[in-house]
Amino acid sequence: MAVPVQVTFRDMPPSDAVTAHVEKRAAKLETFHDRIVKCHVMLEAPHRHHKHGKRYHVRIDMQVPGKELVVTKNLEDTKEDLYAAVDDAFGDAERVLEGYMRELEPSLKNHVSPPRGVIKTLFTDRGYGFIETEDGREVYFHANSVVDGKFEKLKVGTKVRFAEEDGDKGPQASTVHVNGSN
């Protein structure tokens, strides 16, 4: 069952491309909790003057049975790139859902853990690389999949955890977390 997603644009024009990106990221939330009743995502361009241009703020309200989970950042933590702001917020939403599932069923803590691996190959000039999983497989990842924009800080051998999905040419990591950063 697909997560029902409502996307609201505030102080900015709607975008089909951004809506599609939000829907794709929302669908991945089901890997963390399979009973999301509703997901409302508000994309906002606050009317504040910043030295660095327009900034974007993302708020995610997720309804699960018996609880509403909200992900939002302080306005000081807004991003200049709307897609980066969406990815950052959904990374937080994944962590919130993981935490909620641990509270709900503590026995899942040891059984539901994302795949882990190490960076095997990096093509920093092209913005992608490959992760070698614990079972020896190679998984493609793009720079945009690395949480908190830490792609430039990656090195061969860096330990990571990630969310895996089927890509056009095989397995790919949709969200990559450097171990030790939550």
C-alpha atoms as a PDB file:
ATOM      1  CA  MET A   1       0.000   0.000   0.000  1.00  0.00           C
ATOM      2  CA  ALA A   2       1.403   3.384  -0.968  1.00  0.00           C
ATOM      3  CA  VAL A   3       1.657   6.075   1.677  1.00  0.00           C
ATOM      4  CA  PRO A   4      -1.108   8.649   1.039  1.00  0.00           C
ATOM      5  CA  VAL A   5       0.772  11.928   0.571  1.00  0.00           C
ATOM      6  CA  GLN A   6      -0.541  15.470   0.581  1.00  0.00           C
ATOM      7  CA  VAL A   7       1.910  18.146  -0.583  1.00  0.00           C
ATOM      8  CA  THR A   8       1.326  21.813   0.220  1.00  0.00           C
ATOM      9  CA  PHE A   9       3.371  24.650  -1.255  1.00  0.00           C
ATOM     10  CA  ARG A  10       3.439  27.824   0.817  1.00  0.00           C
ATOM     11  CA  ASP A  11       4.755  31.155  -0.453  1.00  0.00           C
ATOM     12  CA  MET A  12       6.009  29.464  -3.615  1.00  0.00           C
ATOM     13  CA  PRO A  13       4.479  28.076  -6.814  1.00  0.00           C
ATOM     14  CA  PRO A  14       3.600  24.356  -6.957  1.00  0.00           C
ATOM     15  CA  SER A  15       5.938  22.077  -8.887  1.00  0.00           C
ATOM     16  CA  ASP A  16       5.089  18.677 -10.357  1.00  0.00           C
ATOM     17  CA  ALA A  17       8.766  17.647 -10.248  1.00  0.00           C
ATOM     18  CA  VAL A  18       9.105  18.520  -6.553  1.00  0.00           C
ATOM     19  CA  THR A  19       5.791  16.794  -5.784  1.00  0.00           C
ATOM     20  CA  ALA A  20       7.043  13.633  -7.541  1.00  0.00           C
ATOM     21  CA  HIS A  21      10.290  13.785  -5.518  1.00  0.00           C
ATOM     22  CA  VAL A  22       8.320  14.143  -2.261  1.00  0.00           C
ATOM     23  CA  GLU A  23       6.058  11.216  -3.200  1.00  0.00           C
ATOM     24  CA  LYS A  24       9.080   9.035  -3.990  1.00  0.00           C
ATOM     25  CA  ARG A  25      10.714   9.871  -0.643  1.00  0.00           C
ATOM     26  CA  ALA A  26       7.413   9.309   1.205  1.00  0.00           C
ATOM     27  CA  ALA A  27       7.049   5.860  -0.367  1.00  0.00           C
ATOM     28  CA  LYS A  28      10.405   4.885   1.193  1.00  0.00           C
ATOM     29  CA  LEU A  29       8.995   5.610   4.645  1.00  0.00           C
ATOM     30  CA  GLU A  30       7.066   2.339   4.408  1.00  0.00           C
ATOM     31  CA  THR A  31      10.345   0.470   4.880  1.00  0.00           C
ATOM     32  CA  PHE A  32      10.455   1.949   8.393  1.00  0.00           C
ATOM     33  CA  HIS A  33       6.738   1.635   9.255  1.00  0.00           C
ATOM     34  CA  ASP A  34       4.211  -0.169   7.080  1.00  0.00           C
ATOM     35  CA  ARG A  35       1.076   1.356   8.620  1.00  0.00           C
ATOM     36  CA  ILE A  36       1.421   5.066   7.872  1.00  0.00           C
ATOM     37  CA  VAL A  37      -2.127   6.370   7.583  1.00  0.00           C
ATOM     38  CA  LYS A  38      -1.262   9.744   6.083  1.00  0.00           C
ATOM     39  CA  CYS A  39       1.710  11.946   5.295  1.00  0.00           C
ATOM     40  CA  HIS A  40       1.344  15.711   4.860  1.00  0.00           C
ATOM     41  CA  VAL A  41       4.400  17.564   3.580  1.00  0.00           C
ATOM     42  CA  MET A  42       4.516  21.354   3.664  1.00  0.00           C
ATOM     43  CA  LEU A  43       7.151  23.064   1.539  1.00  0.00           C
ATOM     44  CA  GLU A  44       7.703  26.681   2.423  1.00  0.00           C
ATOM     45  CA  ALA A  45       9.809  29.589   1.230  1.00  0.00           C
ATOM     46  CA  PRO A  46       9.708  31.873   4.304  1.00  0.00           C
ATOM     47  CA  HIS A  47       9.727  35.624   3.664  1.00  0.00           C
ATOM     48  CA  ARG A  48      13.034  36.327   5.294  1.00  0.00           C
ATOM     49  CA  HIS A  49      15.957  38.106   3.752  1.00  0.00           C
ATOM     50  CA  HIS A  50      19.122  36.060   3.923  1.00  0.00           C
ATOM     51  CA  LYS A  51      22.599  36.777   2.682  1.00  0.00           C
ATOM     52  CA  HIS A  52      22.546  33.590   0.617  1.00  0.00           C
ATOM     53  CA  GLY A  53      19.279  33.950  -1.261  1.00  0.00           C
ATOM     54  CA  LYS A  54      15.977  32.117  -0.912  1.00  0.00           C
ATOM     55  CA  ARG A  55      15.797  29.443   1.776  1.00  0.00           C
ATOM     56  CA  TYR A  56      13.372  26.526   2.010  1.00  0.00           C
ATOM     57  CA  HIS A  57      11.697  24.918   4.984  1.00  0.00           C
ATOM     58  CA  VAL A  58      10.042  21.474   5.014  1.00  0.00           C
ATOM     59  CA  ARG A  59       7.597  20.136   7.591  1.00  0.00           C
ATOM     60  CA  ILE A  60       6.385  16.529   7.559  1.00  0.00           C
ATOM     61  CA  ASP A  61       3.328  15.381   9.523  1.00  0.00           C
ATOM     62  CA  MET A  62       2.940  11.588   9.578  1.00  0.00           C
ATOM     63  CA  GLN A  63      -0.118   9.879  10.985  1.00  0.00           C
ATOM     64  CA  VAL A  64       0.411   6.336  12.266  1.00  0.00           C
ATOM     65  CA  PRO A  65      -2.131   4.321  14.261  1.00  0.00           C
ATOM     66  CA  GLY A  66      -2.504   6.083  17.591  1.00  0.00           C
ATOM     67  CA  LYS A  67       0.067   8.817  17.043  1.00  0.00           C
ATOM     68  CA  GLU A  68       1.054  11.828  14.970  1.00  0.00           C
ATOM     69  CA  LEU A  69       4.772  12.208  14.248  1.00  0.00           C
ATOM     70  CA  VAL A  70       6.069  15.623  13.156  1.00  0.00           C
ATOM     71  CA  VAL A  71       9.392  16.497  11.581  1.00  0.00           C
ATOM     72  CA  THR A  72      10.378  20.138  11.273  1.00  0.00           C
ATOM     73  CA  LYS A  73      13.516  22.208  11.602  1.00  0.00           C
ATOM     74  CA  ASN A  74      14.177  25.625  13.039  1.00  0.00           C
ATOM     75  CA  LEU A  75      14.017  28.329  10.407  1.00  0.00           C
ATOM     76  CA  GLU A  76      17.761  28.832  10.951  1.00  0.00           C
ATOM     77  CA  ASP A  77      18.297  25.279   9.617  1.00  0.00           C
ATOM     78  CA  THR A  78      16.590  25.929   6.290  1.00  0.00           C
ATOM     79  CA  LYS A  79      18.318  25.000   3.026  1.00  0.00           C
ATOM     80  CA  GLU A  80      18.967  26.979  -0.157  1.00  0.00           C
ATOM     81  CA  ASP A  81      18.158  23.988  -2.361  1.00  0.00           C
ATOM     82  CA  LEU A  82      14.566  22.723  -2.181  1.00  0.00           C
ATOM     83  CA  TYR A  83      15.499  19.133  -3.069  1.00  0.00           C
ATOM     84  CA  ALA A  84      18.204  19.107  -0.373  1.00  0.00           C
ATOM     85  CA  ALA A  85      15.680  20.436   2.150  1.00  0.00           C
ATOM     86  CA  VAL A  86      13.218  17.668   1.199  1.00  0.00           C
ATOM     87  CA  ASP A  87      15.912  14.966   1.436  1.00  0.00           C
ATOM     88  CA  ASP A  88      17.122  16.311   4.788  1.00  0.00           C
ATOM     89  CA  ALA A  89      13.582  16.336   6.220  1.00  0.00           C
ATOM     90  CA  PHE A  90      12.851  12.806   4.996  1.00  0.00           C
ATOM     91  CA  GLY A  91      16.138  11.592   6.493  1.00  0.00           C
ATOM     92  CA  ASP A  92      14.886  12.966   9.812  1.00  0.00           C
ATOM     93  CA  ALA A  93      11.451  11.370   9.225  1.00  0.00           C
ATOM     94  CA  GLU A  94      13.120   7.981   8.731  1.00  0.00           C
ATOM     95  CA  ARG A  95      14.956   8.365  12.037  1.00  0.00           C
ATOM     96  CA  VAL A  96      11.725   9.426  13.793  1.00  0.00           C
ATOM     97  CA  LEU A  97       9.901   6.364  12.459  1.00  0.00           C
ATOM     98  CA  GLU A  98      12.776   4.067  13.484  1.00  0.00           C
ATOM     99  CA  GLY A  99      12.668   5.521  16.991  1.00  0.00           C
ATOM    100  CA  TYR A 100       8.893   5.173  17.165  1.00  0.00           C
ATOM    101  CA  MET A 101       9.100   1.525  16.086  1.00  0.00           C
ATOM    102  CA  ARG A 102      11.696   0.857  18.791  1.00  0.00           C
ATOM    103  CA  GLU A 103       9.395   2.397  21.399  1.00  0.00           C
ATOM    104  CA  LEU A 104       6.440   0.428  20.073  1.00  0.00           C
ATOM    105  CA  GLU A 105       8.210  -2.935  19.990  1.00  0.00           C
ATOM    106  CA  PRO A 106      11.572  -2.937  21.762  1.00  0.00           C
ATOM    107  CA  SER A 107      12.216  -6.468  20.514  1.00  0.00           C
ATOM    108  CA  LEU A 108      12.497  -5.058  16.973  1.00  0.00           C
ATOM    109  CA  LYS A 109      15.593  -3.079  17.906  1.00  0.00           C
ATOM    110  CA  ASN A 110      17.883  -6.006  17.224  1.00  0.00           C
ATOM    111  CA  HIS A 111      15.991  -7.277  14.191  1.00  0.00           C
ATOM    112  CA  VAL A 112      15.221  -4.160  12.151  1.00  0.00           C
ATOM    113  CA  SER A 113      18.469  -2.525  11.244  1.00  0.00           C
ATOM    114  CA  PRO A 114      19.409  -0.949   7.958  1.00  0.00           C
ATOM    115  CA  PRO A 115      22.025  -2.624   5.794  1.00  0.00           C
ATOM    116  CA  ARG A 116      25.623  -1.666   6.526  1.00  0.00           C
ATOM    117  CA  GLY A 117      28.771  -1.572   4.487  1.00  0.00           C
ATOM    118  CA  VAL A 118      31.866   0.404   3.585  1.00  0.00           C
ATOM    119  CA  ILE A 119      32.578   2.802   0.755  1.00  0.00           C
ATOM    120  CA  LYS A 120      34.387   0.692  -1.835  1.00  0.00           C
ATOM    121  CA  THR A 121      34.692   3.112  -4.770  1.00  0.00           C
ATOM    122  CA  LEU A 122      34.192   6.872  -5.069  1.00  0.00           C
ATOM    123  CA  PHE A 123      33.887   9.020  -8.167  1.00  0.00           C
ATOM    124  CA  THR A 124      33.812  12.424  -6.467  1.00  0.00           C
ATOM    125  CA  ASP A 125      34.080  14.326  -9.749  1.00  0.00           C
ATOM    126  CA  ARG A 126      30.966  12.530 -11.034  1.00  0.00           C
ATOM    127  CA  GLY A 127      29.010  12.532  -7.755  1.00  0.00           C
ATOM    128  CA  TYR A 128      28.562   8.814  -7.115  1.00  0.00           C
ATOM    129  CA  GLY A 129      30.166   5.713  -5.690  1.00  0.00           C
ATOM    130  CA  PHE A 130      29.661   2.136  -4.583  1.00  0.00           C
ATOM    131  CA  ILE A 131      29.152   0.572  -1.162  1.00  0.00           C
ATOM    132  CA  GLU A 132      30.370  -2.932  -0.412  1.00  0.00           C
ATOM    133  CA  THR A 133      27.783  -4.598   1.819  1.00  0.00           C
ATOM    134  CA  GLU A 134      28.565  -6.923   4.695  1.00  0.00           C
ATOM    135  CA  ASP A 135      27.611  -9.847   2.454  1.00  0.00           C
ATOM    136  CA  GLY A 136      29.977  -8.719  -0.342  1.00  0.00           C
ATOM    137  CA  ARG A 137      27.506  -7.121  -2.778  1.00  0.00           C
ATOM    138  CA  GLU A 138      28.112  -3.748  -4.443  1.00  0.00           C
ATOM    139  CA  VAL A 139      25.417  -1.093  -4.129  1.00  0.00           C
ATOM    140  CA  TYR A 140      25.430   2.131  -6.163  1.00  0.00           C
ATOM    141  CA  PHE A 141      24.776   5.483  -4.459  1.00  0.00           C
ATOM    142  CA  HIS A 142      24.552   9.076  -5.665  1.00  0.00           C
ATOM    143  CA  ALA A 143      25.911  12.120  -3.830  1.00  0.00           C
ATOM    144  CA  ASN A 144      22.338  13.332  -3.237  1.00  0.00           C
ATOM    145  CA  SER A 145      21.642  10.136  -1.257  1.00  0.00           C
ATOM    146  CA  VAL A 146      24.243  10.991   1.385  1.00  0.00           C
ATOM    147  CA  VAL A 147      22.514  12.515   4.420  1.00  0.00           C
ATOM    148  CA  ASP A 148      23.541  15.997   5.568  1.00  0.00           C
ATOM    149  CA  GLY A 149      25.525  16.671   2.380  1.00  0.00           C
ATOM    150  CA  LYS A 150      28.558  14.722   3.602  1.00  0.00           C
ATOM    151  CA  PHE A 151      29.471  13.250   0.191  1.00  0.00           C
ATOM    152  CA  GLU A 152      32.628  15.385  -0.053  1.00  0.00           C
ATOM    153  CA  LYS A 153      33.813  14.012   3.310  1.00  0.00           C
ATOM    154  CA  LEU A 154      33.502  10.342   2.275  1.00  0.00           C
ATOM    155  CA  LYS A 155      36.607   8.247   1.743  1.00  0.00           C
ATOM    156  CA  VAL A 156      37.161   4.684   0.587  1.00  0.00           C
ATOM    157  CA  GLY A 157      36.711   2.521   3.682  1.00  0.00           C
ATOM    158  CA  THR A 158      34.204   4.833   5.426  1.00  0.00           C
ATOM    159  CA  LYS A 159      31.587   2.751   7.267  1.00  0.00           C
ATOM    160  CA  VAL A 160      27.987   3.547   6.354  1.00  0.00           C
ATOM    161  CA  ARG A 161      24.418   2.362   6.811  1.00  0.00           C
ATOM    162  CA  PHE A 162      21.858   2.828   4.089  1.00  0.00           C
ATOM    163  CA  ALA A 163      18.373   2.171   2.781  1.00  0.00           C
ATOM    164  CA  GLU A 164      18.438  -0.065  -0.289  1.00  0.00           C
ATOM    165  CA  GLU A 165      16.071  -0.070  -3.239  1.00  0.00           C
ATOM    166  CA  ASP A 166      15.972  -1.482  -6.745  1.00  0.00           C
ATOM    167  CA  GLY A 167      17.418   0.920  -9.285  1.00  0.00           C
ATOM    168  CA  ASP A 168      17.330   0.824 -13.086  1.00  0.00           C
ATOM    169  CA  LYS A 169      20.656  -1.036 -13.213  1.00  0.00           C
ATOM    170  CA  GLY A 170      20.543  -2.983  -9.947  1.00  0.00           C
ATOM    171  CA  PRO A 171      20.570  -2.227  -6.230  1.00  0.00           C
ATOM    172  CA  GLN A 172      21.064   1.356  -5.141  1.00  0.00           C
ATOM    173  CA  ALA A 173      21.235   3.158  -1.811  1.00  0.00           C
ATOM    174  CA  SER A 174      18.507   5.768  -1.438  1.00  0.00           C
ATOM    175  CA  THR A 175      19.721   7.157   1.893  1.00  0.00           C
ATOM    176  CA  VAL A 176      23.316   6.847   3.084  1.00  0.00           C
ATOM    177  CA  HIS A 177      24.297   7.659   6.679  1.00  0.00           C
ATOM    178  CA  VAL A 178      27.927   7.844   7.746  1.00  0.00           C
ATOM    179  CA  ASN A 179      28.245   5.603  10.824  1.00  0.00           C
ATOM    180  CA  GLY A 180      28.455   7.662  13.955  1.00  0.00           C
ATOM    181  CA  SER A 181      26.186  10.421  12.544  1.00  0.00           C
ATOM    182  CA  ASN A 182      22.506  10.163  13.381  1.00  0.00           C
END
